[in-house]
Amino acid sequence: MSINRKKVIENLSKIDIGGNQEGLIPAFGVFVNQLPAVLWNSFAERLTRQVGLDLTEAAEFLLVNAAHECGYHTGYGIITSEEWNAVIAPMVEQVPEDILHGAFAVLTAWGWAKCEIAELVPGERMVVRAYDYYEADIVSYGAASKPAAYMLQGISAAFMDLAYGGPYDVTGQKGMRTFRTVQTKGIECGHEYGEFVVTKS
């Protein structure tokens, strides 16, 4: 890997990102937002708790799917953005593996998750470990009975789609959902870190 994570995180953290006169925050080729982490966490927690046991799996699928779509389209915006080209692209030697490593460095720089790729079998499998992520904040209310980092599950699969699923498709009809993620560990469950295993769908 030729990506210098420390340098990427340092440089991206220096970029001044703010809203325009329309209240939008254009950055990294997309519109980003700044919302408290508790918004997503409480939404996910309330949705999965209140639908009833017979619909819990469906609710969890929808949360992961929302993150998957967000990760696919936003991820493409990130890796084609001016910011990416200025900070990360010059480090990329091996495509798409270095791009994957760079994308997870972006997640860390943005404060979404202090995460990195622990294992990568190109085109087949990826293991991501996250040592701090906002979805784990729910542990402050007590350990969860099962992993609940829906956003990281979806994003991890989406990044593999972008790397190995074929050309980007703005409609999402092709290239997306060629990979899926199983979260095997979670800080929210009392583990030391969250672990996300991504394999072909």
Foldseek 3Di string as FASTA:
>chain_A
DQFDLVQLLVVVLPDDWDADPVRWTDDLQDTDDDDDLVVVLVVLVCQLVPPDPVCNVVSLVVLLQVLLVCLQVSVVSNCPGPSCVVRPVVRDDDPPVSVLQSSVSVCVSVQQFQKGWPDDDQPFKTKMKTQDHSSLVCCVVPADPDDRPSNVQSNVQSSSLPRRQDDRDPVCPGSGQQKGWDWDDPVSRVDNIIMIMIGGD
